[in-house]
Protein backbone atom coordinates (compact mmCIF):
# COMPACT_ATOMS: atom_id res chain seq x y z
CA MET A 1 -13.73 13.27 -12.53
CA TYR A 2 -11.77 16.54 -12.49
CA ARG A 3 -8.51 17.46 -14.17
CA LEU A 4 -6.24 20.02 -12.53
CA VAL A 5 -3.98 22.06 -14.79
CA ARG A 6 -0.83 24.02 -14.12
CA PRO A 7 -1.90 27.62 -13.31
CA ASP A 8 -0.45 30.57 -15.20
CA THR A 9 0.60 32.05 -11.87
CA PRO A 10 1.63 30.02 -8.78
CA ILE A 11 -1.01 29.30 -6.22
CA ALA A 12 -1.04 31.93 -3.49
CA GLU A 13 -0.54 29.88 -0.34
CA GLY A 14 -2.22 31.09 2.77
CA VAL A 15 -0.15 32.54 5.62
CA GLY A 16 -0.49 30.47 8.78
CA ALA A 17 -4.09 29.23 8.92
CA ALA A 18 -5.27 31.43 6.03
CA PRO A 19 -6.69 29.49 3.10
CA PRO A 20 -4.96 29.65 -0.26
CA ARG A 21 -6.65 30.98 -3.40
CA LEU A 22 -7.87 28.09 -5.55
CA ASP A 23 -8.93 28.07 -9.18
CA ALA A 24 -12.30 26.77 -10.29
CA ALA A 25 -11.22 23.18 -10.86
CA GLN A 26 -9.43 22.98 -7.52
CA GLN A 27 -12.41 24.50 -5.72
CA ALA A 28 -14.74 22.00 -7.43
CA VAL A 29 -12.67 19.16 -5.92
CA VAL A 30 -12.87 20.76 -2.45
CA ASP A 31 -16.62 21.19 -2.85
CA HIS A 32 -17.23 17.60 -4.03
CA PRO A 33 -20.31 16.53 -2.09
CA GLY A 34 -19.22 12.93 -1.51
CA GLY A 35 -18.85 9.54 -3.21
CA PRO A 36 -15.92 8.37 -5.32
CA LEU A 37 -13.94 10.99 -7.21
CA LEU A 38 -10.92 10.73 -9.54
CA VAL A 39 -8.73 13.82 -9.87
CA LEU A 40 -6.15 13.87 -12.68
CA ALA A 41 -3.27 16.16 -11.79
CA GLY A 42 0.32 16.42 -12.82
CA PRO A 43 3.26 18.21 -11.26
CA GLY A 44 2.74 21.90 -10.54
CA THR A 45 -1.07 21.76 -10.66
CA GLY A 46 -1.54 22.38 -6.92
CA LYS A 47 -2.81 18.89 -6.27
CA THR A 48 -1.35 18.63 -2.78
CA THR A 49 -2.81 21.98 -1.79
CA THR A 50 -6.14 20.91 -3.21
CA LEU A 51 -6.05 17.67 -1.24
CA VAL A 52 -5.17 19.55 2.01
CA GLU A 53 -8.02 22.01 1.45
CA SER A 54 -10.42 19.10 0.78
CA VAL A 55 -9.49 17.55 4.14
CA VAL A 56 -9.85 20.91 5.90
CA ALA A 57 -13.28 21.43 4.33
CA ARG A 58 -14.45 18.04 5.56
CA VAL A 59 -13.48 19.02 9.13
CA GLU A 60 -14.39 22.71 9.29
CA GLN A 61 -17.44 22.82 7.06
CA ARG A 62 -18.96 19.39 7.24
CA GLY A 63 -18.26 18.37 10.84
CA ALA A 64 -16.00 15.41 10.20
CA THR A 65 -13.61 14.49 13.03
CA PRO A 66 -9.94 14.45 12.03
CA ASP A 67 -9.52 10.79 13.00
CA SER A 68 -12.37 9.78 10.67
CA ILE A 69 -10.37 10.90 7.61
CA LEU A 70 -7.67 8.63 6.18
CA VAL A 71 -5.10 10.12 3.87
CA LEU A 72 -2.81 7.63 2.08
CA THR A 73 0.36 8.42 0.14
CA PHE A 74 3.56 6.61 -0.88
CA SER A 75 6.47 8.01 1.04
CA ARG A 76 7.09 8.87 4.66
CA ARG A 77 8.28 12.30 3.68
CA ALA A 78 5.09 13.04 1.73
CA ALA A 79 2.96 11.76 4.64
CA ALA A 80 4.83 13.93 7.10
CA ASP A 81 4.43 16.98 4.85
CA LEU A 82 0.68 16.34 4.49
CA ARG A 83 0.28 15.97 8.30
CA THR A 84 2.17 19.23 8.88
CA ARG A 85 0.15 21.16 6.30
CA ILE A 86 -3.23 19.76 7.47
CA ALA A 87 -2.41 20.58 11.09
CA ALA A 88 -1.30 24.12 10.17
CA ARG A 89 -4.53 24.77 8.26
CA LEU A 90 -6.66 23.38 11.05
CA GLY A 91 -4.76 25.46 13.51
CA ARG A 92 -4.15 22.57 15.92
CA THR A 93 -2.05 19.51 16.31
CA VAL A 94 -3.81 16.37 15.20
CA VAL A 95 -2.90 13.47 17.45
CA THR A 96 -4.21 10.69 15.22
CA PRO A 97 -2.07 10.49 12.06
CA MET A 98 -4.37 11.69 9.29
CA ALA A 99 -1.81 10.99 6.59
CA MET A 100 0.32 7.86 6.32
CA THR A 101 1.82 5.55 3.74
CA PHE A 102 -0.04 2.50 2.49
CA HIS A 103 2.50 0.34 4.30
CA ALA A 104 2.10 2.25 7.56
CA PHE A 105 -1.64 1.70 7.33
CA CYS A 106 -1.15 -2.00 6.69
CA TYR A 107 1.32 -2.21 9.54
CA ALA A 108 -1.22 -0.62 11.92
CA LEU A 109 -3.90 -2.97 10.60
CA VAL A 110 -1.82 -6.12 11.20
CA ARG A 111 -0.73 -4.94 14.61
CA ARG A 112 -4.33 -4.23 15.61
CA PHE A 113 -6.11 -7.22 14.15
CA GLY A 114 -3.31 -9.74 13.65
CA ASP A 115 -4.73 -12.20 16.10
CA ARG A 116 -7.62 -12.69 13.67
CA LEU A 117 -5.40 -14.11 10.96
CA GLY A 118 -5.88 -17.84 10.48
CA ALA A 119 -3.48 -20.65 11.29
CA GLU A 120 -2.02 -20.51 7.78
CA ASN A 121 -0.59 -17.11 8.75
CA ASP A 122 0.18 -17.91 12.39
CA THR A 123 3.48 -16.14 12.99
CA ALA A 124 4.99 -14.30 15.90
CA ALA A 125 4.49 -11.17 13.82
CA THR A 126 0.73 -11.64 13.28
CA SER A 127 -0.64 -13.97 15.94
CA GLY A 128 -1.07 -11.44 18.70
CA ALA A 129 2.22 -12.37 20.40
CA SER A 130 3.92 -9.77 22.55
CA ALA A 131 6.64 -9.07 19.97
CA PRO A 132 5.67 -6.32 17.55
CA VAL A 133 5.52 -6.81 13.80
CA ARG A 134 8.98 -6.34 12.33
CA LEU A 135 9.29 -5.39 8.69
CA LEU A 136 12.28 -6.34 6.63
CA THR A 137 14.17 -3.56 4.94
CA GLY A 138 15.02 -3.95 1.26
CA PRO A 139 18.62 -5.06 1.96
CA GLU A 140 17.38 -7.47 4.66
CA GLN A 141 14.91 -9.01 2.23
CA ASP A 142 17.67 -9.38 -0.39
CA PHE A 143 19.76 -11.19 2.22
CA ARG A 144 16.90 -13.46 3.25
CA VAL A 145 16.17 -14.38 -0.32
CA ARG A 146 19.83 -15.20 -1.08
CA GLU A 147 20.19 -17.13 2.17
CA THR A 148 16.97 -19.11 1.59
CA LEU A 149 17.97 -19.80 -2.02
CA GLN A 150 21.20 -21.34 -0.79
CA GLY A 151 19.27 -23.34 1.81
CA SER A 152 16.84 -24.60 -0.80
CA LEU A 153 19.72 -26.29 -2.59
CA GLU A 154 20.48 -28.18 0.62
CA THR A 155 16.90 -29.01 1.54
CA SER A 156 15.81 -29.78 -2.05
CA ARG A 157 12.37 -28.34 -1.28
CA ALA A 158 12.49 -26.47 -4.59
CA ASP A 159 13.28 -28.53 -7.62
CA TRP A 160 15.27 -25.97 -9.62
CA PRO A 161 15.76 -26.78 -13.33
CA ASP A 162 19.34 -27.29 -14.61
CA SER A 163 18.87 -24.30 -16.92
CA LEU A 164 19.15 -21.98 -13.91
CA ALA A 165 22.25 -23.56 -12.43
CA ARG A 166 24.66 -20.86 -13.60
CA ALA A 167 22.40 -18.00 -12.58
CA PHE A 168 21.56 -19.45 -9.16
CA PRO A 169 24.49 -18.05 -7.13
CA THR A 170 24.24 -14.50 -8.49
CA ARG A 171 22.77 -11.46 -6.78
CA ALA A 172 20.86 -10.63 -9.98
CA PHE A 173 19.05 -13.97 -9.84
CA ALA A 174 18.10 -13.36 -6.17
CA SER A 175 16.82 -9.89 -7.13
CA GLU A 176 14.68 -11.37 -9.92
CA VAL A 177 13.29 -14.02 -7.53
CA ARG A 178 12.40 -11.32 -5.02
CA ALA A 179 10.60 -9.30 -7.74
CA VAL A 180 8.58 -12.35 -8.81
CA LEU A 181 7.53 -13.09 -5.23
CA ALA A 182 6.42 -9.47 -4.79
CA LYS A 183 4.51 -9.56 -8.09
CA ALA A 184 2.77 -12.81 -7.08
CA ARG A 185 1.59 -11.23 -3.82
CA GLN A 186 0.44 -8.08 -5.66
CA LEU A 187 -1.72 -10.38 -7.80
CA GLY A 188 -3.03 -12.22 -4.70
CA MET A 189 -1.24 -15.45 -5.59
CA ASP A 190 -0.18 -18.06 -3.02
CA PRO A 191 2.67 -20.54 -3.59
CA ASP A 192 0.18 -23.17 -4.79
CA ASP A 193 -1.20 -20.68 -7.35
CA VAL A 194 2.31 -20.03 -8.73
CA MET A 195 3.01 -23.77 -8.98
CA ALA A 196 -0.34 -24.40 -10.66
CA ALA A 197 0.32 -21.61 -13.18
CA GLY A 198 3.72 -23.10 -13.92
CA ARG A 199 2.31 -26.60 -14.53
CA ALA A 200 -0.47 -25.25 -16.73
CA ALA A 201 1.99 -23.28 -18.84
CA GLY A 202 4.67 -26.00 -18.89
CA ARG A 203 7.14 -23.66 -17.18
CA ALA A 204 9.30 -25.67 -14.79
CA GLU A 205 10.96 -22.53 -13.44
CA TRP A 206 7.59 -21.17 -12.31
CA VAL A 207 6.92 -24.38 -10.42
CA SER A 208 10.29 -24.04 -8.72
CA ILE A 209 9.55 -20.42 -7.82
CA GLY A 210 6.29 -21.55 -6.22
CA GLN A 211 8.12 -24.22 -4.23
CA PHE A 212 10.74 -21.65 -3.12
CA PHE A 213 7.97 -19.17 -2.26
CA GLU A 214 6.54 -21.69 0.17
CA GLU A 215 9.95 -22.19 1.83
CA TYR A 216 10.58 -18.44 1.91
CA LEU A 217 7.32 -17.86 3.75
CA ASP A 218 8.17 -20.60 6.23
CA VAL A 219 11.50 -18.93 6.96
CA MET A 220 9.77 -15.55 7.53
CA ASP A 221 7.16 -17.20 9.77
CA ALA A 222 9.89 -18.83 11.83
CA GLU A 223 11.70 -15.50 12.30
CA GLY A 224 8.54 -13.50 12.89
CA VAL A 225 9.16 -10.97 10.15
CA LEU A 226 7.31 -9.70 7.08
CA ASP A 227 8.36 -8.07 3.88
CA TYR A 228 6.32 -5.25 2.38
CA ALA A 229 4.49 -7.37 -0.20
CA GLU A 230 3.54 -9.91 2.45
CA LEU A 231 2.40 -7.10 4.78
CA VAL A 232 -0.06 -5.84 2.16
CA HIS A 233 -1.19 -9.40 1.39
CA ARG A 234 -1.96 -10.20 5.03
CA SER A 235 -3.75 -6.90 5.38
CA ARG A 236 -5.98 -7.99 2.50
CA ILE A 237 -6.58 -11.31 4.25
CA LEU A 238 -7.70 -9.36 7.32
CA LEU A 239 -10.09 -7.40 5.16
CA THR A 240 -11.92 -10.57 4.22
CA ASP A 241 -13.08 -10.66 7.85
CA PRO A 242 -16.49 -8.97 7.95
CA GLU A 243 -15.96 -7.73 11.52
CA VAL A 244 -12.69 -6.05 10.65
CA VAL A 245 -14.23 -4.41 7.58
CA ALA A 246 -17.28 -3.26 9.56
CA THR A 247 -15.04 -1.74 12.26
CA LEU A 248 -12.91 0.15 9.74
CA ARG A 249 -15.91 1.47 7.82
CA ARG A 250 -17.46 2.72 11.06
CA GLU A 251 -14.24 4.57 11.94
CA ILE A 252 -13.24 5.84 8.51
CA GLY A 253 -15.66 8.25 6.95
CA CYS A 254 -13.57 9.50 4.06
CA VAL A 255 -10.42 8.29 2.25
CA PHE A 256 -8.00 10.43 0.22
CA VAL A 257 -5.21 8.91 -1.84
CA ASP A 258 -2.36 10.99 -3.18
CA GLU A 259 -0.10 9.70 -6.04
CA TYR A 260 -2.76 7.12 -6.91
CA GLN A 261 -0.84 6.22 -10.06
CA ASP A 262 1.74 4.48 -7.88
CA THR A 263 -0.72 1.96 -6.42
CA ASP A 264 -0.11 -1.67 -7.27
CA PRO A 265 -2.96 -4.16 -7.87
CA ALA A 266 -2.92 -5.41 -4.24
CA GLN A 267 -3.14 -1.89 -2.85
CA VAL A 268 -6.01 -1.08 -5.19
CA ARG A 269 -7.98 -4.11 -3.96
CA LEU A 270 -7.20 -3.17 -0.37
CA LEU A 271 -8.46 0.39 -0.97
CA GLN A 272 -11.62 -0.92 -2.59
CA THR A 273 -12.36 -3.06 0.46
CA ILE A 274 -11.73 -0.24 2.92
CA ALA A 275 -13.79 2.28 1.02
CA GLY A 276 -16.65 0.00 0.00
CA SER A 277 -19.21 0.64 -2.72
CA GLY A 278 -20.06 4.31 -3.16
CA ALA A 279 -17.86 5.46 -0.23
CA ASP A 280 -16.49 8.96 0.08
CA VAL A 281 -13.08 8.34 -1.56
CA VAL A 282 -11.00 10.83 -3.50
CA VAL A 283 -7.97 9.68 -5.44
CA VAL A 284 -5.47 12.08 -6.99
CA GLY A 285 -3.01 10.87 -9.62
CA ASP A 286 -1.13 11.49 -12.84
CA PRO A 287 -1.73 8.73 -15.45
CA ASP A 288 1.36 9.87 -17.34
CA GLN A 289 3.51 8.69 -14.38
CA SER A 290 1.84 5.35 -13.79
CA ILE A 291 4.60 2.79 -13.29
CA TYR A 292 2.12 -0.10 -13.03
CA ALA A 293 0.58 0.70 -16.42
CA PHE A 294 4.08 0.39 -17.82
CA ARG A 295 4.49 -2.98 -16.04
CA GLY A 296 1.23 -4.23 -17.52
């Protein structure tokens, strides 16, 4: 493990393809010989520059091909910035995206291997049909949840307790339900798991959430769409397939993760599967900004 600190003077960025000047800790990260590495780095410590230089070193000094390096981050803007900076340092345009968001990686995974998902996930979005995977935006998911909640009153598939009657029509309740569904998927829970947990704890509302969860998934299956939590979940299902895992491990020689503190439990498990035991994986994060530690 290395910890990067804010330098007394700003890092001197290279001009064009010229390398920047790194301090000892940053250079140690770049020179890391392989295997898992945790880098603790807050704002202003040059972590992005260090990550870029680590990628460049893998290509220019160790003979790695650009498409064998996977760089994961958490926003499209950050991914685009990383791609631009890596390409500038390498002095060429890299056709294969070397940097992408976790969700973009999962999207590509489901598009590529979706026909290997079992019948329990047999949707137009994942069964190899001609229509591409379509992801719901946040507002679209809010609408689907509210619409399906209203439908569940009519179908009676979810046995909602009377204590929730007043909250049921509100947007706030729909937002809470959406958050619970996402959390369940992050923990790898299916509707049956949520219902079982509710029965074990004597929480009728949890049982109802599990029943609604099942109905919500049916609605998404019928429409051939996925939300982001379900996208990551189905990617993890794909990564239980030994052939898929073997293919990815042959193709991906090194994994870098920026803003590692923002990973949720499902993404951590997905990363562990991709990288494997003892793989060349470098994660960079700031524990003081970890939102999932705050959420327990």
